[in-house]
Amino acid sequence: MSWTGMGSSGVVSARERAMRTLYDEQAHSLFAYVVRLLGGDRYRAEDVVQETLLRCWRTQDLGDCKHLRPWLFRVARNIVIDEHRLRMARPREIDGAAWLEELLARPDGVDRMLSAMILRDAIRELSPKHREVVYETYYTGRSAREAALVLGVPLGTVKSRLHHAMRALRAALGITETADEGAEGKPDWAHSPAA
């Protein structure tokens, strides 16, 4: 921010000198105040300070700059408030591609349906023994111990089949294994138990 005012004739008038003095004495602290009001937006703060000083130039007696300080701060605050209200009253501005990004980010039934179809096909590729272990643990929500009782096989067999089934599903779905999976190896996309 700098003061560049000078009359068209190259001679600085008394009013312009008074404005330069006002600028030198008040602009820095006014700018710091407005930056705080605007949450650090220095570019908008420069515009607000410029508008405030312009209004002062147009309407105030510049003879004694000291009495203008409260007026300047109040006008700057009012300008910030008015701009905020104006932005809130207007519809949100978007560019030409924003609608496409919003559309793609919004989940819809098609995505869910396609994911379900891909998962269904991957499960169909499993062996019948692996499929039944996945069904008993993920779909019905049984623990490995409960699935072993239902299927009539040892607990270790259920755990082994579940492990190999999950590896096969991950490979079919292109999912890489993560370190934060639970103790039973249930991935984040596991179904909730059926009610």
Protein backbone atom coordinates (compact mmCIF):
# COMPACT_ATOMS: atom_id res chain seq x y z
CA MET A 1 0.00 0.00 0.00
CA SER A 2 1.30 3.42 -0.87
CA TRP A 3 0.00 6.90 -1.35
CA THR A 4 0.31 8.13 -4.92
CA GLY A 5 -2.05 11.09 -4.93
CA MET A 6 -0.94 14.26 -6.68
CA GLY A 7 -2.93 16.89 -8.48
CA SER A 8 -3.10 16.88 -12.27
CA SER A 9 -1.00 20.03 -12.39
CA GLY A 10 1.86 18.42 -10.49
CA VAL A 11 1.28 20.69 -7.49
CA VAL A 12 0.13 19.08 -4.25
CA SER A 13 -2.86 20.87 -2.74
CA ALA A 14 -3.44 21.38 0.98
CA ARG A 15 -6.22 18.75 0.87
CA GLU A 16 -3.89 16.22 -0.75
CA ARG A 17 -1.18 16.95 1.85
CA ALA A 18 -3.76 16.42 4.60
CA MET A 19 -4.78 13.14 2.99
CA ARG A 20 -1.15 12.02 2.77
CA THR A 21 -0.71 12.85 6.47
CA LEU A 22 -3.87 10.93 7.29
CA TYR A 23 -2.61 7.99 5.27
CA ASP A 24 0.83 8.05 6.90
CA GLU A 25 -0.65 8.22 10.41
CA GLN A 26 -3.62 5.84 10.10
CA ALA A 27 -3.30 3.46 7.13
CA HIS A 28 -0.96 0.94 8.75
CA SER A 29 -3.05 0.39 11.89
CA LEU A 30 -6.27 0.51 9.86
CA PHE A 31 -4.88 -2.12 7.49
CA ALA A 32 -3.85 -4.38 10.40
CA TYR A 33 -7.35 -4.04 11.90
CA VAL A 34 -9.07 -4.90 8.62
CA VAL A 35 -6.77 -7.89 8.00
CA ARG A 36 -7.87 -9.29 11.38
CA LEU A 37 -11.53 -8.69 10.50
CA LEU A 38 -11.08 -10.54 7.21
CA GLY A 39 -9.24 -13.51 8.68
CA GLY A 40 -5.90 -12.67 7.08
CA ASP A 41 -7.05 -11.78 3.55
CA ARG A 42 -4.54 -9.02 2.81
CA TYR A 43 -5.79 -8.32 -0.72
CA ARG A 44 -9.36 -7.67 0.36
CA ALA A 45 -8.03 -5.64 3.30
CA GLU A 46 -6.20 -3.34 0.88
CA ASP A 47 -9.44 -2.79 -1.02
CA VAL A 48 -11.34 -2.00 2.19
CA VAL A 49 -8.68 0.47 3.38
CA GLN A 50 -8.66 2.14 -0.01
CA GLU A 51 -12.47 2.45 -0.01
CA THR A 52 -12.40 3.80 3.57
CA LEU A 53 -9.83 6.46 2.71
CA LEU A 54 -11.75 7.38 -0.44
CA ARG A 55 -14.93 7.88 1.59
CA CYS A 56 -12.95 9.99 4.06
CA TRP A 57 -11.58 12.08 1.19
CA ARG A 58 -15.08 12.68 -0.16
CA THR A 59 -16.96 13.41 3.07
CA GLN A 60 -14.70 14.50 5.92
CA ASP A 61 -12.84 17.63 6.91
CA LEU A 62 -9.20 16.63 6.71
CA GLY A 63 -7.94 19.52 8.84
CA ASP A 64 -7.38 17.47 12.01
CA CYS A 65 -6.50 13.84 11.25
CA LYS A 66 -6.51 12.71 14.89
CA HIS A 67 -10.30 12.95 15.29
CA LEU A 68 -10.81 10.85 12.14
CA ARG A 69 -9.32 7.62 13.57
CA PRO A 70 -12.55 6.30 15.19
CA TRP A 71 -14.51 7.28 12.09
CA LEU A 72 -12.07 5.41 9.81
CA PHE A 73 -12.21 2.22 11.88
CA ARG A 74 -16.01 2.32 12.07
CA VAL A 75 -16.35 2.87 8.31
CA ALA A 76 -13.86 0.07 7.55
CA ARG A 77 -15.79 -2.30 9.83
CA ASN A 78 -19.06 -1.33 8.16
CA ILE A 79 -17.58 -1.96 4.71
CA VAL A 80 -16.44 -5.45 5.79
CA ILE A 81 -19.88 -6.22 7.22
CA ASP A 82 -21.65 -4.91 4.11
CA GLU A 83 -19.44 -7.00 1.79
CA HIS A 84 -20.08 -10.10 3.90
CA ARG A 85 -23.84 -9.54 3.82
CA LEU A 86 -23.73 -8.98 0.09
CA ARG A 87 -21.85 -12.27 -0.47
CA MET A 88 -24.32 -14.15 1.73
CA ALA A 89 -27.31 -12.67 -0.14
CA ARG A 90 -26.02 -13.60 -3.60
CA PRO A 91 -26.22 -17.11 -4.98
CA ARG A 92 -22.97 -19.01 -4.75
CA GLU A 93 -20.70 -18.34 -7.72
CA ILE A 94 -19.51 -21.37 -9.62
CA ASP A 95 -17.29 -21.85 -12.60
CA GLY A 96 -18.26 -23.84 -15.66
CA ALA A 97 -16.80 -27.15 -14.43
CA ALA A 98 -17.94 -27.07 -10.79
CA TRP A 99 -21.26 -28.76 -11.56
CA LEU A 100 -19.42 -31.74 -13.03
CA GLU A 101 -17.18 -32.13 -9.99
CA GLU A 102 -20.20 -31.93 -7.67
CA LEU A 103 -22.07 -34.47 -9.77
CA LEU A 104 -19.15 -36.91 -9.72
CA ALA A 105 -18.58 -36.44 -5.98
CA ARG A 106 -22.22 -37.12 -5.09
CA PRO A 107 -22.83 -40.80 -4.31
CA ASP A 108 -25.75 -42.28 -6.13
CA GLY A 109 -27.49 -45.61 -6.56
CA VAL A 110 -25.63 -46.41 -9.77
CA ASP A 111 -22.24 -46.45 -8.02
CA ARG A 112 -23.58 -48.64 -5.28
CA MET A 113 -25.23 -50.98 -7.78
CA LEU A 114 -22.05 -51.30 -9.86
CA SER A 115 -20.00 -51.99 -6.73
CA ALA A 116 -22.48 -54.66 -5.67
CA MET A 117 -22.35 -56.30 -9.11
CA ILE A 118 -18.55 -56.36 -9.08
CA LEU A 119 -18.51 -57.81 -5.57
CA ARG A 120 -21.16 -60.41 -6.51
CA ASP A 121 -19.11 -61.54 -9.52
CA ALA A 122 -15.95 -61.75 -7.40
CA ILE A 123 -17.75 -63.86 -4.77
CA ARG A 124 -19.08 -66.19 -7.50
CA GLU A 125 -15.49 -66.87 -8.53
CA LEU A 126 -14.70 -68.28 -5.05
CA SER A 127 -14.86 -72.01 -4.37
CA PRO A 128 -18.08 -73.18 -2.65
CA LYS A 129 -16.23 -73.75 0.67
CA HIS A 130 -14.72 -70.27 0.61
CA ARG A 131 -18.08 -68.76 -0.37
CA GLU A 132 -19.90 -70.37 2.55
CA VAL A 133 -17.28 -69.14 5.05
CA VAL A 134 -17.58 -65.60 3.67
CA TYR A 135 -21.37 -65.85 3.89
CA GLU A 136 -21.35 -67.09 7.49
CA THR A 137 -18.86 -64.49 8.75
CA TYR A 138 -19.57 -61.34 6.73
CA TYR A 139 -23.18 -61.61 5.65
CA THR A 140 -24.68 -63.15 8.78
CA GLY A 141 -22.18 -61.45 11.10
CA ARG A 142 -21.10 -64.59 12.92
CA SER A 143 -17.70 -64.84 14.51
CA ALA A 144 -15.24 -67.42 13.17
CA ARG A 145 -16.01 -69.67 16.17
CA GLU A 146 -19.78 -69.46 15.50
CA ALA A 147 -19.25 -70.11 11.77
CA ALA A 148 -17.17 -73.20 12.65
CA LEU A 149 -20.07 -74.55 14.73
CA VAL A 150 -22.63 -73.85 11.98
CA LEU A 151 -20.46 -75.35 9.23
CA GLY A 152 -19.28 -78.29 11.35
CA VAL A 153 -15.58 -77.69 10.68
CA PRO A 154 -12.70 -76.82 13.02
CA LEU A 155 -12.06 -73.17 13.90
CA GLY A 156 -8.65 -73.25 12.20
CA THR A 157 -10.24 -74.43 8.96
CA VAL A 158 -12.72 -71.51 9.04
CA LYS A 159 -9.90 -69.03 9.65
CA SER A 160 -7.78 -70.52 6.87
CA ARG A 161 -10.66 -70.55 4.36
CA LEU A 162 -11.60 -67.01 5.33
CA HIS A 163 -8.03 -65.83 4.87
CA HIS A 164 -7.73 -67.39 1.41
CA ALA A 165 -11.20 -66.17 0.40
CA MET A 166 -10.35 -62.59 1.38
CA ARG A 167 -7.07 -62.73 -0.54
CA ALA A 168 -8.92 -64.00 -3.62
CA LEU A 169 -11.58 -61.27 -3.29
CA ARG A 170 -8.96 -58.57 -2.85
CA ALA A 171 -7.14 -59.77 -5.95
CA ALA A 172 -10.39 -59.91 -7.95
CA LEU A 173 -11.38 -56.40 -6.80
CA GLY A 174 -7.91 -54.90 -7.14
CA ILE A 175 -7.75 -54.04 -3.43
CA THR A 176 -4.37 -54.00 -1.73
CA GLU A 177 -4.09 -55.25 1.84
CA THR A 178 -3.81 -52.63 4.58
CA ALA A 179 -2.22 -52.88 8.00
CA ASP A 180 -5.26 -51.49 9.81
CA GLU A 181 -7.61 -54.40 9.14
CA GLY A 182 -9.11 -56.04 12.20
CA ALA A 183 -7.87 -59.19 13.93
CA GLU A 184 -10.26 -61.37 11.93
CA GLY A 185 -9.12 -59.72 8.69
CA LYS A 186 -12.43 -57.99 7.96
CA PRO A 187 -11.85 -55.18 5.48
CA ASP A 188 -13.56 -51.80 5.65
CA TRP A 189 -16.11 -52.79 3.01
CA ALA A 190 -17.49 -55.75 4.98
CA HIS A 191 -21.29 -55.88 5.17
CA SER A 192 -23.03 -55.20 8.44
CA PRO A 193 -24.81 -58.18 9.98
CA ALA A 194 -28.23 -58.97 8.59
CA ALA A 195 -31.09 -58.04 10.90
